[in-house]
Amino acid sequence: MRKRYLLQLLFIAFYANAVFSQPAFELGNISAAGVPVHQYTAVYKEHNVTINDIEKIKAAPDSCFYLNQSIQEINYGFYRPFSWCKFILKNNSDFTDWIIKIHQGKVDSVQLYVQRSNGELTKYKLIGRFESLKNKSFFSADYANLVSLAPNEKVTCYLYTSRKFSRHAAIITIEKEQDFNGYNKLFNIGIWALFGIIFLVSCIGFVLNFF
């Protein structure tokens, strides 16, 4: 009887560990711009964590995470102003440079870590609303990080986000660097054209008012 009970406990423990298996997000040659990764993202359950807890998050077993179900975002809500999540990327393409973009609308700051298969951990620059646009790594309203992946390489990304006021939600997308730069170029041209039109209209209005 005791032996059967022990076998049942071992089976339950094995099943509990096997239930959560985080899928990898596979980057293909035809990946569209701004592909969301939310359904491939595992969220750390514990609330009592800080931006300095990367070692704790790395060492945490899968039972400390839950797989996010929403395709639109990772919704942390109003009462969780900071949190960690992780996602796995596998490069099944010939492209090597990818942009991980976190929309700035519902987060105040972002800290990204990328761990290679050999254990090497890369810490990216902390970015947030405290940074002016010109001081960001990329001239973009959103928070963007460039991650280089060799063909067939797989990495694990750890992401910390915070939100002081209002609802906290992480919206994470991935796109090729060339697509990201192309969009930003068109956006910048449009912004400068708008400023030029405003300046021209202001000058015309001043001249008409003067005469």
N, C-alpha and C. Protein backbone atom coordinates (compact mmCIF):
# COMPACT_ATOMS: atom_id res chain seq x y z
N MET A 1 0.83 -1.20 0.00
CA MET A 1 0.00 0.00 0.00
C MET A 1 0.87 1.26 0.00
N ARG A 2 1.90 1.23 0.86
CA ARG A 2 2.80 2.38 0.94
C ARG A 2 3.54 2.57 -0.37
N LYS A 3 3.90 1.45 -1.00
CA LYS A 3 4.62 1.53 -2.28
C LYS A 3 3.74 2.15 -3.36
N ARG A 4 2.45 1.74 -3.37
CA ARG A 4 1.54 2.30 -4.36
C ARG A 4 1.35 3.80 -4.13
N TYR A 5 1.23 4.18 -2.85
CA TYR A 5 1.07 5.59 -2.50
C TYR A 5 2.27 6.41 -2.94
N LEU A 6 3.47 5.83 -2.75
CA LEU A 6 4.69 6.52 -3.17
C LEU A 6 4.74 6.68 -4.68
N LEU A 7 4.32 5.65 -5.40
CA LEU A 7 4.30 5.73 -6.86
C LEU A 7 3.30 6.79 -7.34
N GLN A 8 2.17 6.89 -6.64
CA GLN A 8 1.19 7.90 -7.01
C GLN A 8 1.75 9.31 -6.80
N LEU A 9 2.45 9.50 -5.69
CA LEU A 9 3.06 10.80 -5.43
C LEU A 9 4.11 11.15 -6.48
N LEU A 10 4.91 10.17 -6.87
CA LEU A 10 5.91 10.39 -7.90
C LEU A 10 5.27 10.74 -9.24
N PHE A 11 4.15 10.06 -9.55
CA PHE A 11 3.44 10.33 -10.79
C PHE A 11 2.88 11.74 -10.80
N ILE A 12 2.28 12.14 -9.66
CA ILE A 12 1.71 13.49 -9.55
C ILE A 12 2.79 14.54 -9.69
N ALA A 13 3.94 14.30 -9.03
CA ALA A 13 5.05 15.26 -9.10
C ALA A 13 5.57 15.35 -10.54
N PHE A 14 5.69 14.21 -11.21
CA PHE A 14 6.16 14.22 -12.60
C PHE A 14 5.17 14.93 -13.50
N TYR A 15 3.87 14.66 -13.30
CA TYR A 15 2.84 15.29 -14.13
C TYR A 15 2.80 16.79 -13.91
N ALA A 16 2.95 17.21 -12.65
CA ALA A 16 2.92 18.65 -12.35
C ALA A 16 4.05 19.37 -13.04
N ASN A 17 5.23 18.73 -13.12
CA ASN A 17 6.36 19.35 -13.80
C ASN A 17 6.20 19.33 -15.30
N ALA A 18 5.48 18.32 -15.80
CA ALA A 18 5.34 18.18 -17.24
C ALA A 18 4.21 19.04 -17.80
N VAL A 19 3.27 19.49 -16.92
CA VAL A 19 2.12 20.25 -17.39
C VAL A 19 2.56 21.54 -18.06
N PHE A 20 3.50 22.25 -17.44
CA PHE A 20 3.94 23.53 -17.98
C PHE A 20 5.16 23.31 -18.86
N SER A 21 4.99 23.52 -20.12
CA SER A 21 6.10 23.41 -21.06
C SER A 21 6.05 24.63 -21.95
N GLN A 22 6.93 25.57 -21.71
CA GLN A 22 6.87 26.84 -22.44
C GLN A 22 7.32 26.66 -23.88
N PRO A 23 6.47 26.99 -24.84
CA PRO A 23 6.86 26.86 -26.25
C PRO A 23 7.80 27.98 -26.66
N ALA A 24 8.61 27.72 -27.65
CA ALA A 24 9.50 28.75 -28.21
C ALA A 24 8.79 29.48 -29.34
N PHE A 25 9.02 30.77 -29.41
CA PHE A 25 8.50 31.57 -30.52
C PHE A 25 9.50 31.47 -31.66
N GLU A 26 9.06 30.92 -32.79
CA GLU A 26 9.96 30.66 -33.90
C GLU A 26 9.92 31.82 -34.90
N LEU A 27 11.10 32.37 -35.15
CA LEU A 27 11.25 33.49 -36.07
C LEU A 27 11.50 32.93 -37.47
N GLY A 28 10.59 33.22 -38.38
CA GLY A 28 10.71 32.69 -39.73
C GLY A 28 11.12 33.77 -40.72
N ASN A 29 11.42 33.34 -41.94
CA ASN A 29 11.84 34.27 -42.98
C ASN A 29 10.74 35.25 -43.38
N ILE A 30 9.48 34.88 -43.19
CA ILE A 30 8.38 35.72 -43.65
C ILE A 30 7.65 36.34 -42.46
N SER A 31 8.31 36.47 -41.31
CA SER A 31 7.65 37.07 -40.14
C SER A 31 7.23 38.50 -40.46
N ALA A 32 5.99 38.81 -40.17
CA ALA A 32 5.48 40.16 -40.44
C ALA A 32 5.99 41.11 -39.37
N ALA A 33 5.88 42.40 -39.66
CA ALA A 33 6.33 43.42 -38.71
C ALA A 33 5.40 43.43 -37.50
N GLY A 34 5.98 43.55 -36.33
CA GLY A 34 5.19 43.68 -35.13
C GLY A 34 4.41 42.46 -34.73
N VAL A 35 5.03 41.27 -34.76
CA VAL A 35 4.34 40.04 -34.38
C VAL A 35 4.32 39.92 -32.85
N PRO A 36 3.15 39.75 -32.22
CA PRO A 36 3.10 39.64 -30.76
C PRO A 36 3.57 38.27 -30.28
N VAL A 37 4.15 38.24 -29.08
CA VAL A 37 4.65 36.98 -28.51
C VAL A 37 3.95 36.62 -27.19
N HIS A 38 2.81 37.23 -26.93
CA HIS A 38 2.18 37.11 -25.62
C HIS A 38 1.79 35.67 -25.27
N GLN A 39 1.31 34.91 -26.22
CA GLN A 39 0.88 33.54 -25.93
C GLN A 39 2.07 32.58 -25.79
N TYR A 40 3.27 33.07 -26.00
CA TYR A 40 4.48 32.28 -25.81
C TYR A 40 5.23 32.73 -24.55
N THR A 41 4.61 33.61 -23.78
CA THR A 41 5.28 34.25 -22.65
C THR A 41 4.83 33.64 -21.33
N ALA A 42 5.81 33.34 -20.47
CA ALA A 42 5.52 32.83 -19.13
C ALA A 42 5.71 33.96 -18.12
N VAL A 43 4.72 34.13 -17.25
CA VAL A 43 4.71 35.22 -16.27
C VAL A 43 5.08 34.68 -14.90
N TYR A 44 5.97 35.40 -14.22
CA TYR A 44 6.38 35.00 -12.88
C TYR A 44 5.23 35.26 -11.90
N LYS A 45 4.88 34.25 -11.10
CA LYS A 45 3.70 34.33 -10.25
C LYS A 45 3.88 35.26 -9.06
N GLU A 46 5.05 35.22 -8.44
CA GLU A 46 5.25 35.97 -7.20
C GLU A 46 5.25 37.48 -7.45
N HIS A 47 4.62 38.21 -6.58
CA HIS A 47 4.53 39.67 -6.71
C HIS A 47 5.72 40.38 -6.07
N ASN A 48 6.32 39.77 -5.08
CA ASN A 48 7.36 40.43 -4.30
C ASN A 48 8.73 40.27 -4.98
N VAL A 49 8.91 40.93 -6.12
CA VAL A 49 10.18 40.89 -6.85
C VAL A 49 10.56 42.31 -7.23
N THR A 50 11.83 42.50 -7.53
CA THR A 50 12.32 43.83 -7.93
C THR A 50 13.12 43.69 -9.22
N ILE A 51 13.59 44.82 -9.70
CA ILE A 51 14.38 44.85 -10.93
C ILE A 51 15.73 44.15 -10.74
N ASN A 52 16.16 43.98 -9.50
CA ASN A 52 17.46 43.37 -9.22
C ASN A 52 17.40 41.86 -9.03
N ASP A 53 16.23 41.25 -9.25
CA ASP A 53 16.04 39.83 -8.95
C ASP A 53 16.25 38.91 -10.15
N ILE A 54 17.08 39.29 -11.09
CA ILE A 54 17.27 38.47 -12.29
C ILE A 54 17.78 37.07 -11.96
N GLU A 55 18.70 36.95 -11.01
CA GLU A 55 19.23 35.63 -10.65
C GLU A 55 18.13 34.74 -10.07
N LYS A 56 17.26 35.34 -9.29
CA LYS A 56 16.13 34.59 -8.72
C LYS A 56 15.18 34.13 -9.82
N ILE A 57 14.92 34.99 -10.78
CA ILE A 57 14.02 34.65 -11.88
C ILE A 57 14.63 33.56 -12.76
N LYS A 58 15.93 33.67 -13.05
CA LYS A 58 16.61 32.65 -13.86
C LYS A 58 16.57 31.28 -13.21
N ALA A 59 16.74 31.24 -11.89
CA ALA A 59 16.82 29.97 -11.18
C ALA A 59 15.45 29.38 -10.85
N ALA A 60 14.39 30.16 -11.04
CA ALA A 60 13.05 29.71 -10.66
C ALA A 60 12.59 28.56 -11.56
N PRO A 61 11.99 27.51 -10.98
CA PRO A 61 11.46 26.41 -11.79
C PRO A 61 10.21 26.84 -12.54
N ASP A 62 9.78 26.01 -13.48
CA ASP A 62 8.60 26.34 -14.28
C ASP A 62 7.34 26.49 -13.44
N SER A 63 7.31 25.82 -12.28
CA SER A 63 6.13 25.91 -11.41
C SER A 63 5.93 27.31 -10.85
N CYS A 64 6.95 28.17 -10.93
CA CYS A 64 6.85 29.56 -10.46
C CYS A 64 6.28 30.49 -11.52
N PHE A 65 5.97 29.94 -12.70
CA PHE A 65 5.45 30.74 -13.81
C PHE A 65 4.10 30.20 -14.27
N TYR A 66 3.35 31.03 -14.96
CA TYR A 66 2.15 30.56 -15.66
C TYR A 66 2.20 31.10 -17.08
N LEU A 67 1.67 30.33 -18.01
CA LEU A 67 1.70 30.72 -19.42
C LEU A 67 0.60 31.73 -19.70
N ASN A 68 0.97 32.88 -20.24
CA ASN A 68 -0.01 33.92 -20.56
C ASN A 68 -0.94 33.43 -21.67
N GLN A 69 -2.23 33.71 -21.52
CA GLN A 69 -3.22 33.20 -22.47
C GLN A 69 -3.68 34.24 -23.49
N SER A 70 -3.51 35.51 -23.19
CA SER A 70 -4.02 36.56 -24.07
C SER A 70 -3.09 36.81 -25.25
N ILE A 71 -3.66 36.98 -26.43
CA ILE A 71 -2.85 37.29 -27.61
C ILE A 71 -2.58 38.79 -27.70
N GLN A 72 -3.33 39.61 -26.96
CA GLN A 72 -3.24 41.06 -27.08
C GLN A 72 -2.18 41.68 -26.17
N GLU A 73 -1.99 41.13 -24.96
CA GLU A 73 -1.08 41.74 -24.00
C GLU A 73 -0.86 40.81 -22.82
N ILE A 74 0.06 41.21 -21.94
CA ILE A 74 0.20 40.58 -20.64
C ILE A 74 -0.37 41.56 -19.63
N ASN A 75 -1.52 41.23 -19.09
CA ASN A 75 -2.24 42.16 -18.22
C ASN A 75 -1.88 41.89 -16.76
N TYR A 76 -1.08 42.79 -16.16
CA TYR A 76 -0.72 42.66 -14.76
C TYR A 76 -1.73 43.36 -13.85
N GLY A 77 -2.57 44.20 -14.40
CA GLY A 77 -3.61 44.85 -13.63
C GLY A 77 -3.15 46.10 -12.91
N PHE A 78 -4.01 46.56 -11.99
CA PHE A 78 -3.76 47.81 -11.26
C PHE A 78 -2.91 47.59 -10.01
N TYR A 79 -2.87 46.37 -9.49
CA TYR A 79 -2.25 46.13 -8.19
C TYR A 79 -0.93 45.36 -8.30
N ARG A 80 -0.36 45.34 -9.47
CA ARG A 80 0.94 44.71 -9.66
C ARG A 80 1.81 45.67 -10.47
N PRO A 81 2.40 46.65 -9.82
CA PRO A 81 3.09 47.73 -10.54
C PRO A 81 4.42 47.32 -11.18
N PHE A 82 4.94 46.15 -10.83
CA PHE A 82 6.16 45.67 -11.49
C PHE A 82 6.14 44.15 -11.53
N SER A 83 6.74 43.59 -12.56
CA SER A 83 6.71 42.13 -12.70
C SER A 83 7.76 41.67 -13.71
N TRP A 84 7.99 40.34 -13.69
CA TRP A 84 8.91 39.69 -14.62
C TRP A 84 8.14 38.69 -15.49
N CYS A 85 8.62 38.52 -16.70
CA CYS A 85 8.14 37.46 -17.56
C CYS A 85 9.31 36.95 -18.39
N LYS A 86 9.13 35.83 -19.07
CA LYS A 86 10.19 35.29 -19.92
C LYS A 86 9.58 34.68 -21.17
N PHE A 87 10.35 34.68 -22.24
CA PHE A 87 9.92 34.03 -23.47
C PHE A 87 11.16 33.51 -24.20
N ILE A 88 10.96 32.48 -25.00
CA ILE A 88 12.05 31.80 -25.71
C ILE A 88 11.93 32.11 -27.20
N LEU A 89 13.03 32.51 -27.80
CA LEU A 89 13.07 32.80 -29.23
C LEU A 89 13.97 31.79 -29.93
N LYS A 90 13.51 31.28 -31.07
CA LYS A 90 14.34 30.40 -31.90
C LYS A 90 14.37 30.97 -33.31
N ASN A 91 15.57 31.22 -33.81
CA ASN A 91 15.71 31.86 -35.12
C ASN A 91 15.73 30.82 -36.23
N ASN A 92 14.60 30.63 -36.87
CA ASN A 92 14.49 29.70 -38.00
C ASN A 92 14.58 30.44 -39.33
N SER A 93 15.38 31.48 -39.37
CA SER A 93 15.47 32.30 -40.58
C SER A 93 16.93 32.62 -40.88
N ASP A 94 17.14 33.31 -42.00
CA ASP A 94 18.48 33.75 -42.38
C ASP A 94 18.81 35.13 -41.83
N PHE A 95 17.81 35.79 -41.24
CA PHE A 95 18.02 37.12 -40.66
C PHE A 95 18.64 36.99 -39.27
N THR A 96 19.50 37.92 -38.94
CA THR A 96 20.20 37.84 -37.66
C THR A 96 19.84 38.94 -36.68
N ASP A 97 19.31 40.06 -37.17
CA ASP A 97 19.05 41.21 -36.31
C ASP A 97 17.55 41.42 -36.14
N TRP A 98 17.10 41.35 -34.89
CA TRP A 98 15.69 41.44 -34.57
C TRP A 98 15.45 42.51 -33.51
N ILE A 99 14.32 43.14 -33.59
CA ILE A 99 13.94 44.17 -32.63
C ILE A 99 12.85 43.62 -31.71
N ILE A 100 13.12 43.64 -30.40
CA ILE A 100 12.09 43.35 -29.41
C ILE A 100 11.53 44.69 -28.95
N LYS A 101 10.26 44.91 -29.21
CA LYS A 101 9.65 46.21 -28.95
C LYS A 101 8.56 46.07 -27.89
N ILE A 102 8.61 46.93 -26.87
CA ILE A 102 7.60 46.96 -25.82
C ILE A 102 6.88 48.30 -25.94
N HIS A 103 5.60 48.27 -26.16
CA HIS A 103 4.84 49.51 -26.35
C HIS A 103 4.83 50.32 -25.06
N GLN A 104 5.03 51.61 -25.19
CA GLN A 104 5.21 52.46 -24.02
C GLN A 104 3.90 52.92 -23.39
N GLY A 105 2.77 52.60 -23.98
CA GLY A 105 1.50 53.10 -23.48
C GLY A 105 1.13 52.65 -22.09
N LYS A 106 1.53 51.42 -21.69
CA LYS A 106 1.08 50.87 -20.42
C LYS A 106 2.22 50.42 -19.50
N VAL A 107 3.44 50.84 -19.82
CA VAL A 107 4.58 50.58 -18.93
C VAL A 107 5.42 51.86 -18.84
N ASP A 108 6.10 52.02 -17.70
CA ASP A 108 6.94 53.20 -17.48
C ASP A 108 8.41 52.91 -17.72
N SER A 109 8.86 51.69 -17.43
CA SER A 109 10.26 51.34 -17.62
C SER A 109 10.39 49.88 -18.02
N VAL A 110 11.49 49.57 -18.69
CA VAL A 110 11.71 48.24 -19.26
C VAL A 110 13.17 47.83 -19.06
N GLN A 111 13.37 46.60 -18.59
CA GLN A 111 14.72 46.05 -18.47
C GLN A 111 14.73 44.66 -19.10
N LEU A 112 15.57 44.48 -20.11
CA LEU A 112 15.63 43.21 -20.83
C LEU A 112 16.96 42.51 -20.58
N TYR A 113 16.88 41.18 -20.37
CA TYR A 113 18.05 40.31 -20.32
C TYR A 113 17.87 39.22 -21.35
N VAL A 114 18.96 38.81 -22.00
CA VAL A 114 18.92 37.72 -22.96
C VAL A 114 19.98 36.70 -22.58
N GLN A 115 19.55 35.45 -22.42
CA GLN A 115 20.48 34.38 -22.04
C GLN A 115 20.68 33.42 -23.21
N ARG A 116 21.95 33.22 -23.59
CA ARG A 116 22.29 32.30 -24.67
C ARG A 116 22.30 30.86 -24.16
N SER A 117 22.39 29.92 -25.09
CA SER A 117 22.36 28.51 -24.73
C SER A 117 23.58 28.09 -23.91
N ASN A 118 24.67 28.85 -24.04
CA ASN A 118 25.87 28.54 -23.25
C ASN A 118 25.83 29.17 -21.85
N GLY A 119 24.72 29.82 -21.51
CA GLY A 119 24.58 30.42 -20.20
C GLY A 119 24.94 31.90 -20.14
N GLU A 120 25.54 32.42 -21.20
CA GLU A 120 25.94 33.84 -21.22
C GLU A 120 24.70 34.73 -21.13
N LEU A 121 24.73 35.68 -20.21
CA LEU A 121 23.60 36.57 -19.98
C LEU A 121 23.97 37.99 -20.39
N THR A 122 23.16 38.58 -21.28
CA THR A 122 23.37 39.95 -21.74
C THR A 122 22.34 40.87 -21.10
N LYS A 123 22.80 41.92 -20.45
CA LYS A 123 21.92 42.90 -19.83
C LYS A 123 21.81 44.10 -20.76
N TYR A 124 20.58 44.45 -21.13
CA TYR A 124 20.35 45.60 -22.00
C TYR A 124 20.11 46.85 -21.16
N LYS A 125 20.21 47.97 -21.80
CA LYS A 125 20.06 49.25 -21.11
C LYS A 125 18.65 49.42 -20.57
N LEU A 126 18.54 49.89 -19.33
CA LEU A 126 17.25 50.22 -18.74
C LEU A 126 16.70 51.45 -19.47
N ILE A 127 15.49 51.33 -19.98
CA ILE A 127 14.87 52.44 -20.71
C ILE A 127 13.48 52.70 -20.15
N GLY A 128 13.04 53.94 -20.26
CA GLY A 128 11.73 54.29 -19.75
C GLY A 128 11.37 55.72 -20.05
N ARG A 129 10.36 56.22 -19.38
CA ARG A 129 9.87 57.57 -19.62
C ARG A 129 10.87 58.63 -19.18
N PHE A 130 11.82 58.23 -18.35
CA PHE A 130 12.85 59.17 -17.89
C PHE A 130 13.86 59.49 -18.99
N GLU A 131 13.88 58.69 -20.07
CA GLU A 131 14.81 58.91 -21.18
C GLU A 131 14.16 59.80 -22.23
N SER A 132 14.89 60.80 -22.67
CA SER A 132 14.40 61.60 -23.80
C SER A 132 14.53 60.78 -25.07
N LEU A 133 13.80 61.18 -26.08
CA LEU A 133 13.78 60.42 -27.33
C LEU A 133 15.18 60.32 -27.94
N LYS A 134 15.95 61.41 -27.85
CA LYS A 134 17.28 61.42 -28.47
C LYS A 134 18.28 60.53 -27.73
N ASN A 135 18.00 60.19 -26.46
CA ASN A 135 18.92 59.36 -25.68
C ASN A 135 18.60 57.87 -25.75
N LYS A 136 17.49 57.53 -26.38
CA LYS A 136 17.13 56.12 -26.53
C LYS A 136 18.04 55.47 -27.57
N SER A 137 18.14 54.14 -27.48
CA SER A 137 18.96 53.39 -28.44
C SER A 137 18.41 53.55 -29.85
N PHE A 138 17.10 53.67 -29.96
CA PHE A 138 16.44 53.87 -31.25
C PHE A 138 15.50 55.06 -31.15
N PHE A 139 15.40 55.82 -32.23
CA PHE A 139 14.50 56.97 -32.28
C PHE A 139 13.08 56.46 -32.44
N SER A 140 12.50 56.06 -31.31
CA SER A 140 11.18 55.43 -31.34
C SER A 140 10.44 55.77 -30.06
N ALA A 141 9.13 56.01 -30.18
CA ALA A 141 8.33 56.29 -29.00
C ALA A 141 8.24 55.07 -28.10
N ASP A 142 8.24 53.88 -28.70
CA ASP A 142 8.21 52.63 -27.92
C ASP A 142 9.62 52.25 -27.47
N TYR A 143 9.68 51.27 -26.57
CA TYR A 143 10.96 50.81 -26.04
C TYR A 143 11.48 49.67 -26.92
N ALA A 144 12.60 49.89 -27.58
CA ALA A 144 13.11 48.92 -28.55
C ALA A 144 14.51 48.45 -28.16
N ASN A 145 14.74 47.15 -28.32
CA ASN A 145 16.05 46.55 -28.07
C ASN A 145 16.44 45.68 -29.26
N LEU A 146 17.67 45.81 -29.69
CA LEU A 146 18.18 45.01 -30.81
C LEU A 146 18.81 43.73 -30.27
N VAL A 147 18.32 42.58 -30.74
CA VAL A 147 18.86 41.28 -30.33
C VAL A 147 19.36 40.57 -31.58
N SER A 148 20.63 40.17 -31.56
CA SER A 148 21.22 39.46 -32.69
C SER A 148 21.20 37.96 -32.43
N LEU A 149 20.66 37.21 -33.39
CA LEU A 149 20.54 35.76 -33.26
C LEU A 149 21.12 35.10 -34.50
N ALA A 150 21.98 34.13 -34.28
CA ALA A 150 22.50 33.35 -35.40
C ALA A 150 21.40 32.41 -35.90
N PRO A 151 21.49 31.95 -37.17
CA PRO A 151 20.51 30.99 -37.66
C PRO A 151 20.46 29.75 -36.76
N ASN A 152 19.24 29.32 -36.42
CA ASN A 152 18.96 28.16 -35.56
C ASN A 152 19.33 28.39 -34.09
N GLU A 153 19.73 29.59 -33.73
CA GLU A 153 20.05 29.85 -32.33
C GLU A 153 18.77 30.03 -31.52
N LYS A 154 18.81 29.57 -30.27
CA LYS A 154 17.68 29.72 -29.35
C LYS A 154 18.16 30.47 -28.11
N VAL A 155 17.38 31.46 -27.69
CA VAL A 155 17.72 32.24 -26.50
C VAL A 155 16.49 32.38 -25.61
N THR A 156 16.74 32.65 -24.34
CA THR A 156 15.66 32.94 -23.39
C THR A 156 15.73 34.41 -23.01
N CYS A 157 14.62 35.10 -23.14
CA CYS A 157 14.55 36.53 -22.82
C CYS A 157 13.80 36.72 -21.51
N TYR A 158 14.38 37.49 -20.61
CA TYR A 158 13.75 37.84 -19.34
C TYR A 158 13.43 39.34 -19.38
N LEU A 159 12.19 39.67 -19.10
CA LEU A 159 11.75 41.06 -19.23
C LEU A 159 11.10 41.55 -17.94
N TYR A 160 11.65 42.66 -17.42
CA TYR A 160 11.06 43.34 -16.27
C TYR A 160 10.38 44.61 -16.76
N THR A 161 9.14 44.83 -16.32
CA THR A 161 8.44 46.07 -16.66
C THR A 161 7.80 46.63 -15.39
N SER A 162 7.61 47.95 -15.39
CA SER A 162 6.99 48.60 -14.23
C SER A 162 5.99 49.65 -14.70
N ARG A 163 5.04 49.95 -13.82
CA ARG A 163 4.01 50.96 -14.10
C ARG A 163 3.58 51.56 -12.78
N LYS A 164 3.85 52.84 -12.57
CA LYS A 164 3.56 53.46 -11.28
C LYS A 164 2.09 53.76 -11.10
N PHE A 165 1.46 54.31 -12.12
CA PHE A 165 0.05 54.68 -12.03
C PHE A 165 -0.73 53.98 -13.14
N SER A 166 -2.02 53.81 -12.93
CA SER A 166 -2.92 53.22 -13.92
C SER A 166 -2.61 51.73 -14.11
N ARG A 167 -3.22 51.13 -15.13
CA ARG A 167 -3.11 49.69 -15.34
C ARG A 167 -1.76 49.33 -15.97
N HIS A 168 -1.17 48.28 -15.45
CA HIS A 168 0.13 47.79 -15.93
C HIS A 168 -0.09 46.64 -16.90
N ALA A 169 0.41 46.79 -18.12
CA ALA A 169 0.27 45.73 -19.12
C ALA A 169 1.45 45.81 -20.09
N ALA A 170 2.04 44.67 -20.38
CA ALA A 170 3.17 44.61 -21.32
C ALA A 170 2.67 44.15 -22.69
N ILE A 171 2.95 44.96 -23.71
CA ILE A 171 2.62 44.61 -25.09
C ILE A 171 3.94 44.42 -25.82
N ILE A 172 4.26 43.17 -26.14
CA ILE A 172 5.58 42.82 -26.67
C ILE A 172 5.44 42.33 -28.10
N THR A 173 6.20 42.92 -29.00
CA THR A 173 6.22 42.48 -30.38
C THR A 173 7.66 42.31 -30.86
N ILE A 174 7.82 41.53 -31.91
CA ILE A 174 9.14 41.28 -32.49
C ILE A 174 9.07 41.50 -33.99
N GLU A 175 10.09 42.13 -34.53
CA GLU A 175 10.16 42.34 -35.97
C GLU A 175 11.61 42.43 -36.43
N LYS A 176 11.80 42.28 -37.73
CA LYS A 176 13.15 42.42 -38.29
C LYS A 176 13.62 43.85 -38.14
N GLU A 177 14.91 44.03 -37.94
CA GLU A 177 15.44 45.38 -37.77
C GLU A 177 15.19 46.23 -39.00
N GLN A 178 15.30 45.64 -40.19
CA GLN A 178 15.12 46.42 -41.41
C GLN A 178 13.68 46.91 -41.54
N ASP A 179 12.70 46.11 -41.09
CA ASP A 179 11.30 46.55 -41.12
C ASP A 179 11.08 47.67 -40.11
N PHE A 180 11.69 47.52 -38.94
CA PHE A 180 11.57 48.53 -37.89
C PHE A 180 12.16 49.86 -38.36
N ASN A 181 13.35 49.81 -38.94
CA ASN A 181 14.00 51.04 -39.42
C ASN A 181 13.23 51.68 -40.56
N GLY A 182 12.66 50.84 -41.44
CA GLY A 182 11.87 51.37 -42.55
C GLY A 182 10.64 52.11 -42.06
N TYR A 183 9.95 51.54 -41.08
CA TYR A 183 8.77 52.20 -40.52
C TYR A 183 9.16 53.50 -39.83
N ASN A 184 10.26 53.46 -39.05
CA ASN A 184 10.70 54.66 -38.33
C ASN A 184 11.10 55.77 -39.29
N LYS A 185 11.69 55.39 -40.43
CA LYS A 185 12.09 56.39 -41.42
C LYS A 185 10.86 57.10 -41.97
N LEU A 186 9.83 56.34 -42.32
CA LEU A 186 8.59 56.95 -42.83
C LEU A 186 7.92 57.80 -41.75
N PHE A 187 7.97 57.31 -40.50
CA PHE A 187 7.36 58.06 -39.39
C PHE A 187 8.07 59.40 -39.20
N ASN A 188 9.41 59.37 -39.25
CA ASN A 188 10.18 60.61 -39.06
C ASN A 188 9.95 61.61 -40.19
N ILE A 189 9.87 61.09 -41.42
CA ILE A 189 9.58 61.96 -42.57
C ILE A 189 8.22 62.63 -42.39
N GLY A 190 7.24 61.85 -41.95
CA GLY A 190 5.90 62.40 -41.73
C GLY A 190 5.87 63.45 -40.64
N ILE A 191 6.61 63.20 -39.54
CA ILE A 191 6.65 64.17 -38.44
C ILE A 191 7.29 65.48 -38.88
N TRP A 192 8.43 65.38 -39.56
CA TRP A 192 9.11 66.61 -40.01
C TRP A 192 8.29 67.36 -41.05
N ALA A 193 7.59 66.61 -41.91
CA ALA A 193 6.71 67.25 -42.89
C ALA A 193 5.58 68.00 -42.19
N LEU A 194 5.04 67.39 -41.12
CA LEU A 194 3.98 68.05 -40.36
C LEU A 194 4.49 69.33 -39.70
N PHE A 195 5.70 69.25 -39.09
CA PHE A 195 6.30 70.44 -38.49
C PHE A 195 6.53 71.54 -39.54
N GLY A 196 6.97 71.12 -40.74
CA GLY A 196 7.20 72.08 -41.82
C GLY A 196 5.92 72.77 -42.24
N ILE A 197 4.84 72.00 -42.34
CA ILE A 197 3.55 72.59 -42.72
C ILE A 197 3.06 73.57 -41.65
N ILE A 198 3.21 73.18 -40.38
CA ILE A 198 2.80 74.07 -39.29
C ILE A 198 3.60 75.37 -39.30
N PHE A 199 4.91 75.23 -39.53
CA PHE A 199 5.77 76.42 -39.57
C PHE A 199 5.39 77.33 -40.74
N LEU A 200 5.14 76.71 -41.92
CA LEU A 200 4.77 77.49 -43.10
C LEU A 200 3.44 78.21 -42.90
N VAL A 201 2.45 77.51 -42.34
CA VAL A 201 1.15 78.13 -42.09
C VAL A 201 1.28 79.27 -41.08
N SER A 202 2.14 79.08 -40.06
CA SER A 202 2.35 80.14 -39.06
C SER A 202 2.97 81.37 -39.71
N CYS A 203 3.95 81.15 -40.61
CA CYS A 203 4.58 82.28 -41.30
C CYS A 203 3.58 83.03 -42.18
N ILE A 204 2.75 82.27 -42.90
CA ILE A 204 1.74 82.90 -43.77
C ILE A 204 0.76 83.71 -42.92
N GLY A 205 0.35 83.12 -41.78
CA GLY A 205 -0.58 83.83 -40.90
C GLY A 205 0.02 85.09 -40.33
N PHE A 206 1.32 85.04 -40.00
CA PHE A 206 2.00 86.23 -39.47
C PHE A 206 2.08 87.33 -40.53
N VAL A 207 2.42 86.94 -41.76
CA VAL A 207 2.52 87.92 -42.85
C VAL A 207 1.17 88.56 -43.15
N LEU A 208 0.12 87.73 -43.23
CA LEU A 208 -1.20 88.26 -43.50
C LEU A 208 -1.68 89.18 -42.40
N ASN A 209 -1.36 88.81 -41.15
CA ASN A 209 -1.75 89.64 -40.02
C ASN A 209 -0.98 90.97 -40.02
N PHE A 210 0.27 90.95 -40.43
CA PHE A 210 1.11 92.15 -40.45
C PHE A 210 0.63 93.15 -41.49
N PHE A 211 0.24 92.61 -42.66
CA PHE A 211 -0.19 93.50 -43.74
C PHE A 211 -1.70 93.73 -43.69
